[in-house]
Structure formats: C-alpha cells, structure tokens
Amino acid sequence: MTVTIELPPEIEADMLAQAEALGMPVGEYLQSLLSGHMSAKGGGSKLSTEEWIGRFEAWVASHSEIAVVLPDAAMEREAIYGDHGR
C-alpha cells in the first residue's frame, strides 16, 4: 500500500534526523515506527534489543540541540538551597 501524507516542516526535519541517526532510509524508518506502533497496540512482538537501542539513541540525538550543560558548582547544596536548611 502506498500512502501520501503532508507533514509540517518541523516534523519532517525531525523525522529525517532520526532516520539518519539510525542509518535508515526514511521509508524504512517510517515502516519500523508503524510496525512497532501496531505491534504495541495489538500486544504483538516487542522490539529487539538492537532496535530499542537504535531508537533510543535516535531519540537522544534529536534532543542534543536543547541540552543545557550546567557547571558542577550548580549542583552543590549551597547553590541549590543557599543559606536555607542550616
């Protein structure tokens, strides 16, 4: 079956990035998403370890631009609570 859908540019860009991160053609990536969704809905087979890791790594990579790196000092008790709690 062939299906054509119109995607907003931001969703298309995210989908392309995730497919690229997995090293998959976009069509194959979409088929794997739909297959996983249908299996999960019907209680079918689970993802293999390799597929799960690949999807997880793609998800992590899709969030790399919004990551905030804090200095270690920001996680110290004094930085969080200040003079409270003494």
N, C-alpha and C. Protein backbone atom coordinates (compact mmCIF):
# COMPACT_ATOMS: atom_id res chain seq x y z
N MET A 1 0.84 -1.17 0.00
CA MET A 1 0.00 0.00 0.00
C MET A 1 0.89 1.24 0.00
N THR A 2 0.48 2.22 -0.72
CA THR A 2 1.19 3.49 -0.77
C THR A 2 0.29 4.56 -0.16
N VAL A 3 0.86 5.34 0.76
CA VAL A 3 0.12 6.41 1.42
C VAL A 3 0.95 7.68 1.31
N THR A 4 0.28 8.79 1.01
CA THR A 4 0.96 10.09 0.94
C THR A 4 0.41 10.97 2.04
N ILE A 5 1.30 11.57 2.83
CA ILE A 5 0.86 12.49 3.88
C ILE A 5 1.68 13.78 3.80
N GLU A 6 1.05 14.86 4.20
CA GLU A 6 1.72 16.15 4.26
C GLU A 6 2.16 16.39 5.71
N LEU A 7 3.43 16.66 5.90
CA LEU A 7 3.95 16.91 7.25
C LEU A 7 4.38 18.36 7.38
N PRO A 8 4.19 18.93 8.56
CA PRO A 8 4.75 20.26 8.80
C PRO A 8 6.27 20.17 8.71
N PRO A 9 6.94 21.24 8.27
CA PRO A 9 8.39 21.21 8.07
C PRO A 9 9.17 20.76 9.31
N GLU A 10 8.75 21.16 10.51
CA GLU A 10 9.50 20.80 11.71
C GLU A 10 9.40 19.30 12.01
N ILE A 11 8.24 18.70 11.74
CA ILE A 11 8.10 17.26 11.95
C ILE A 11 8.91 16.50 10.90
N GLU A 12 8.87 16.99 9.67
CA GLU A 12 9.65 16.36 8.60
C GLU A 12 11.14 16.39 8.93
N ALA A 13 11.63 17.53 9.40
CA ALA A 13 13.05 17.66 9.74
C ALA A 13 13.43 16.71 10.87
N ASP A 14 12.57 16.60 11.88
CA ASP A 14 12.84 15.71 13.00
C ASP A 14 12.86 14.25 12.54
N MET A 15 11.90 13.89 11.70
CA MET A 15 11.83 12.53 11.18
C MET A 15 13.06 12.18 10.35
N LEU A 16 13.48 13.10 9.50
CA LEU A 16 14.68 12.88 8.68
C LEU A 16 15.91 12.73 9.56
N ALA A 17 16.01 13.55 10.61
CA ALA A 17 17.17 13.47 11.52
C ALA A 17 17.20 12.14 12.25
N GLN A 18 16.04 11.67 12.69
CA GLN A 18 16.00 10.40 13.41
C GLN A 18 16.32 9.23 12.49
N ALA A 19 15.81 9.27 11.28
CA ALA A 19 16.12 8.20 10.32
C ALA A 19 17.62 8.19 10.01
N GLU A 20 18.19 9.38 9.83
CA GLU A 20 19.62 9.48 9.55
C GLU A 20 20.45 8.98 10.73
N ALA A 21 20.03 9.31 11.95
CA ALA A 21 20.75 8.87 13.15
C ALA A 21 20.76 7.35 13.26
N LEU A 22 19.71 6.71 12.76
CA LEU A 22 19.65 5.25 12.76
C LEU A 22 20.30 4.64 11.54
N GLY A 23 20.68 5.48 10.58
CA GLY A 23 21.28 4.98 9.35
C GLY A 23 20.27 4.26 8.47
N MET A 24 19.02 4.73 8.50
CA MET A 24 17.96 4.07 7.74
C MET A 24 17.37 5.02 6.72
N PRO A 25 16.92 4.49 5.58
CA PRO A 25 16.15 5.33 4.67
C PRO A 25 14.84 5.75 5.36
N VAL A 26 14.31 6.90 4.99
CA VAL A 26 13.12 7.44 5.65
C VAL A 26 11.95 6.46 5.56
N GLY A 27 11.73 5.87 4.40
CA GLY A 27 10.62 4.94 4.24
C GLY A 27 10.73 3.75 5.19
N GLU A 28 11.93 3.21 5.30
CA GLU A 28 12.15 2.08 6.20
C GLU A 28 11.94 2.50 7.66
N TYR A 29 12.41 3.69 7.99
CA TYR A 29 12.23 4.21 9.35
C TYR A 29 10.74 4.34 9.68
N LEU A 30 9.96 4.91 8.77
CA LEU A 30 8.53 5.06 9.00
C LEU A 30 7.83 3.71 9.11
N GLN A 31 8.25 2.76 8.29
CA GLN A 31 7.67 1.42 8.38
C GLN A 31 7.95 0.80 9.74
N SER A 32 9.18 1.00 10.26
CA SER A 32 9.51 0.43 11.56
C SER A 32 8.70 1.10 12.67
N LEU A 33 8.47 2.42 12.56
CA LEU A 33 7.65 3.11 13.55
C LEU A 33 6.22 2.57 13.54
N LEU A 34 5.65 2.46 12.35
CA LEU A 34 4.27 1.97 12.24
C LEU A 34 4.16 0.53 12.69
N SER A 35 5.13 -0.27 12.32
CA SER A 35 5.12 -1.67 12.72
C SER A 35 5.20 -1.80 14.24
N GLY A 36 6.09 -1.00 14.85
CA GLY A 36 6.21 -1.02 16.30
C GLY A 36 4.95 -0.55 16.98
N HIS A 37 4.33 0.48 16.42
CA HIS A 37 3.09 1.01 16.99
C HIS A 37 1.97 -0.03 16.90
N MET A 38 1.84 -0.66 15.76
CA MET A 38 0.78 -1.64 15.58
C MET A 38 1.02 -2.87 16.47
N SER A 39 2.26 -3.30 16.62
CA SER A 39 2.57 -4.43 17.48
C SER A 39 2.25 -4.11 18.93
N ALA A 40 2.60 -2.88 19.34
CA ALA A 40 2.34 -2.47 20.73
C ALA A 40 0.84 -2.40 20.99
N LYS A 41 0.09 -1.91 20.03
CA LYS A 41 -1.37 -1.80 20.19
C LYS A 41 -2.02 -3.17 20.28
N GLY A 42 -1.52 -4.09 19.47
CA GLY A 42 -2.12 -5.42 19.43
C GLY A 42 -1.48 -6.41 20.37
N GLY A 43 -0.51 -5.95 21.18
CA GLY A 43 0.17 -6.86 22.09
C GLY A 43 1.10 -7.81 21.37
N GLY A 44 1.55 -7.41 20.19
CA GLY A 44 2.42 -8.27 19.40
C GLY A 44 3.84 -8.29 19.90
N SER A 45 4.76 -8.65 19.03
CA SER A 45 6.15 -8.82 19.42
C SER A 45 6.78 -7.49 19.84
N LYS A 46 7.78 -7.61 20.72
CA LYS A 46 8.49 -6.44 21.20
C LYS A 46 9.69 -6.17 20.29
N LEU A 47 10.28 -4.99 20.46
CA LEU A 47 11.48 -4.65 19.69
C LEU A 47 12.65 -5.49 20.17
N SER A 48 13.55 -5.79 19.25
CA SER A 48 14.77 -6.46 19.66
C SER A 48 15.63 -5.46 20.42
N THR A 49 16.60 -5.94 21.13
CA THR A 49 17.49 -5.06 21.90
C THR A 49 18.16 -4.06 20.97
N GLU A 50 18.62 -4.50 19.82
CA GLU A 50 19.30 -3.62 18.87
C GLU A 50 18.36 -2.53 18.35
N GLU A 51 17.11 -2.90 18.05
CA GLU A 51 16.14 -1.91 17.57
C GLU A 51 15.83 -0.89 18.66
N TRP A 52 15.66 -1.38 19.91
CA TRP A 52 15.35 -0.48 21.01
C TRP A 52 16.49 0.50 21.23
N ILE A 53 17.73 -0.01 21.23
CA ILE A 53 18.90 0.85 21.43
C ILE A 53 18.99 1.87 20.29
N GLY A 54 18.77 1.43 19.06
CA GLY A 54 18.82 2.34 17.92
C GLY A 54 17.79 3.45 18.04
N ARG A 55 16.58 3.11 18.43
CA ARG A 55 15.53 4.12 18.58
C ARG A 55 15.84 5.06 19.74
N PHE A 56 16.35 4.50 20.83
CA PHE A 56 16.70 5.32 21.98
C PHE A 56 17.80 6.31 21.61
N GLU A 57 18.83 5.84 20.93
CA GLU A 57 19.93 6.72 20.52
C GLU A 57 19.45 7.80 19.56
N ALA A 58 18.52 7.46 18.67
CA ALA A 58 17.95 8.47 17.76
C ALA A 58 17.17 9.50 18.54
N TRP A 59 16.43 9.05 19.56
CA TRP A 59 15.66 9.98 20.39
C TRP A 59 16.61 10.91 21.15
N VAL A 60 17.68 10.36 21.71
CA VAL A 60 18.66 11.18 22.42
C VAL A 60 19.27 12.20 21.46
N ALA A 61 19.67 11.75 20.28
CA ALA A 61 20.29 12.65 19.30
C ALA A 61 19.34 13.76 18.88
N SER A 62 18.05 13.48 18.86
CA SER A 62 17.09 14.50 18.44
C SER A 62 16.93 15.61 19.47
N HIS A 63 17.44 15.41 20.68
CA HIS A 63 17.34 16.41 21.74
C HIS A 63 18.65 17.11 22.03
N SER A 64 19.69 16.81 21.28
CA SER A 64 21.02 17.34 21.60
C SER A 64 21.09 18.87 21.50
N GLU A 65 20.29 19.47 20.64
CA GLU A 65 20.35 20.92 20.47
C GLU A 65 19.72 21.68 21.63
N ILE A 66 18.90 21.03 22.42
CA ILE A 66 18.23 21.72 23.52
C ILE A 66 18.85 21.39 24.87
N ALA A 67 19.92 20.62 24.89
CA ALA A 67 20.56 20.24 26.15
C ALA A 67 21.22 21.44 26.81
N VAL A 68 21.11 21.49 28.11
CA VAL A 68 21.75 22.54 28.89
C VAL A 68 22.79 21.87 29.76
N VAL A 69 24.02 22.33 29.67
CA VAL A 69 25.10 21.77 30.48
C VAL A 69 25.40 22.75 31.60
N LEU A 70 25.23 22.28 32.83
CA LEU A 70 25.48 23.11 34.00
C LEU A 70 26.85 22.80 34.58
N PRO A 71 27.51 23.81 35.15
CA PRO A 71 28.79 23.52 35.82
C PRO A 71 28.54 22.70 37.08
N ASP A 72 29.53 21.96 37.53
CA ASP A 72 29.40 21.13 38.72
C ASP A 72 28.97 21.95 39.93
N ALA A 73 29.45 23.18 40.03
CA ALA A 73 29.13 24.03 41.17
C ALA A 73 27.62 24.29 41.27
N ALA A 74 26.91 24.24 40.16
CA ALA A 74 25.48 24.48 40.16
C ALA A 74 24.72 23.36 40.88
N MET A 75 25.34 22.21 41.03
CA MET A 75 24.68 21.07 41.67
C MET A 75 25.06 20.91 43.14
N GLU A 76 25.86 21.80 43.65
CA GLU A 76 26.24 21.73 45.06
C GLU A 76 25.09 22.23 45.93
N ARG A 77 25.01 21.69 47.13
CA ARG A 77 23.92 22.03 48.05
C ARG A 77 23.76 23.53 48.23
N GLU A 78 24.87 24.23 48.39
CA GLU A 78 24.81 25.69 48.63
C GLU A 78 24.21 26.42 47.44
N ALA A 79 24.50 25.95 46.24
CA ALA A 79 23.97 26.60 45.03
C ALA A 79 22.45 26.38 44.93
N ILE A 80 21.99 25.24 45.42
CA ILE A 80 20.57 24.93 45.32
C ILE A 80 19.77 25.57 46.45
N TYR A 81 20.26 25.41 47.69
CA TYR A 81 19.50 25.88 48.86
C TYR A 81 19.97 27.20 49.45
N GLY A 82 21.17 27.62 49.10
CA GLY A 82 21.71 28.85 49.69
C GLY A 82 21.87 28.70 51.18
N ASP A 83 21.38 29.66 51.94
CA ASP A 83 21.50 29.61 53.40
C ASP A 83 20.35 28.87 54.06
N HIS A 84 19.38 28.41 53.28
CA HIS A 84 18.23 27.70 53.85
C HIS A 84 18.65 26.30 54.30
N GLY A 85 18.03 25.83 55.34
CA GLY A 85 18.29 24.47 55.79
C GLY A 85 19.48 24.35 56.71
N ARG A 86 20.00 25.45 57.17
CA ARG A 86 21.14 25.38 58.11
C ARG A 86 20.67 25.67 59.48
